[in-house]
Amino acid sequence: MGMFLVTVVVLMMLLVVSINSIELQQKQAEYLERQEQLQAEIDAENERTKEIEEFKKYTQTKAYVEEVAKEKLGLVYEGEIIFKTQE
């Protein structure tokens, strides 16, 4: 009778440990998926940061200043002729 009770208790403990193990594996899979999502977001933000830095450098160039002056403000160099198409 004593051996039977010990066997039952061991089997119940094994069942509980198995169930907890399955739950932990599921949580681990969720955490890994979340980690991948966060890493993808970090990579995207790092890429965006690089693009912003490149744009910042470009905005400090003479070419950018000329582009803005011509396109937005309509300025031209002295003696420069602009041809516009009729629409």
Protein backbone atom coordinates (compact mmCIF):
# COMPACT_ATOMS: atom_id res chain seq x y z
CA MET A 1 0.00 0.00 0.00
CA GLY A 2 2.84 2.38 0.86
CA MET A 3 4.60 1.70 -2.44
CA PHE A 4 1.39 2.44 -4.34
CA LEU A 5 1.00 5.84 -2.62
CA VAL A 6 4.61 6.75 -3.35
CA THR A 7 4.10 5.81 -7.01
CA VAL A 8 0.93 7.91 -7.23
CA VAL A 9 2.64 10.91 -5.63
CA VAL A 10 5.63 10.60 -7.98
CA LEU A 11 3.34 10.34 -11.02
CA MET A 12 1.35 13.39 -9.90
CA MET A 13 4.55 15.36 -9.39
CA LEU A 14 5.72 14.26 -12.82
CA LEU A 15 2.42 15.41 -14.32
CA VAL A 16 2.67 18.82 -12.63
CA VAL A 17 6.28 19.27 -13.75
CA SER A 18 5.34 18.29 -17.32
CA ILE A 19 2.48 20.79 -17.44
CA ASN A 20 4.69 23.56 -16.07
CA SER A 21 7.39 22.65 -18.55
CA ILE A 22 4.96 22.97 -21.45
CA GLU A 23 3.75 26.35 -20.18
CA LEU A 24 7.33 27.58 -19.81
CA GLN A 25 8.18 26.47 -23.34
CA GLN A 26 5.18 28.39 -24.68
CA LYS A 27 6.21 31.50 -22.76
CA GLN A 28 9.75 31.14 -24.02
CA ALA A 29 8.50 30.94 -27.60
CA GLU A 30 6.39 34.08 -27.05
CA TYR A 31 9.37 35.90 -25.55
CA LEU A 32 11.61 34.91 -28.46
CA GLU A 33 9.02 36.14 -30.94
CA ARG A 34 8.69 39.43 -29.05
CA GLN A 35 12.48 39.75 -28.95
CA GLU A 36 12.64 39.32 -32.73
CA GLN A 37 9.96 41.98 -33.19
CA LEU A 38 11.82 44.39 -30.94
CA GLN A 39 15.10 43.70 -32.73
CA ALA A 40 13.41 44.43 -36.07
CA GLU A 41 12.12 47.72 -34.65
CA ILE A 42 15.59 48.60 -33.35
CA ASP A 43 17.12 47.83 -36.76
CA ALA A 44 14.50 49.98 -38.49
CA GLU A 45 15.13 52.87 -36.11
CA ASN A 46 18.88 52.56 -36.58
CA GLU A 47 18.39 52.71 -40.35
CA ARG A 48 16.14 55.73 -39.94
CA THR A 49 18.78 57.39 -37.77
CA LYS A 50 21.38 56.84 -40.49
CA GLU A 51 19.06 58.35 -43.10
CA ILE A 52 18.44 61.38 -40.88
CA GLU A 53 22.16 61.84 -40.31
CA GLU A 54 22.81 61.63 -44.06
CA PHE A 55 20.04 64.16 -44.73
CA LYS A 56 21.49 66.42 -42.04
CA LYS A 57 24.88 66.30 -43.76
CA TYR A 58 23.23 66.95 -47.14
CA THR A 59 21.33 69.97 -45.81
CA GLN A 60 24.64 71.53 -44.85
CA THR A 61 26.00 71.37 -48.39
CA LYS A 62 26.01 74.08 -51.03
CA ALA A 63 24.06 71.82 -53.39
CA TYR A 64 21.14 71.67 -50.96
CA VAL A 65 21.14 75.42 -50.45
CA GLU A 66 21.09 75.96 -54.22
CA GLU A 67 18.31 73.42 -54.67
CA VAL A 68 16.10 75.08 -52.06
CA ALA A 69 16.87 78.55 -53.40
CA LYS A 70 15.90 77.55 -56.92
CA GLU A 71 12.92 75.29 -56.27
CA LYS A 72 11.29 76.88 -53.23
CA LEU A 73 12.32 80.50 -53.49
CA GLY A 74 12.70 80.88 -57.27
CA LEU A 75 16.15 82.43 -56.97
CA VAL A 76 18.74 82.20 -59.71
CA TYR A 77 22.38 83.16 -60.18
CA GLU A 78 23.09 86.49 -61.76
CA GLY A 79 22.97 86.11 -65.52
CA GLU A 80 21.28 82.71 -65.33
CA ILE A 81 18.30 82.18 -67.62
CA ILE A 82 15.42 79.93 -66.66
CA PHE A 83 13.19 78.37 -69.27
CA LYS A 84 9.70 77.39 -68.24
CA THR A 85 7.39 75.18 -70.26
CA GLN A 86 3.92 76.42 -71.05
CA GLU A 87 1.17 74.32 -69.68
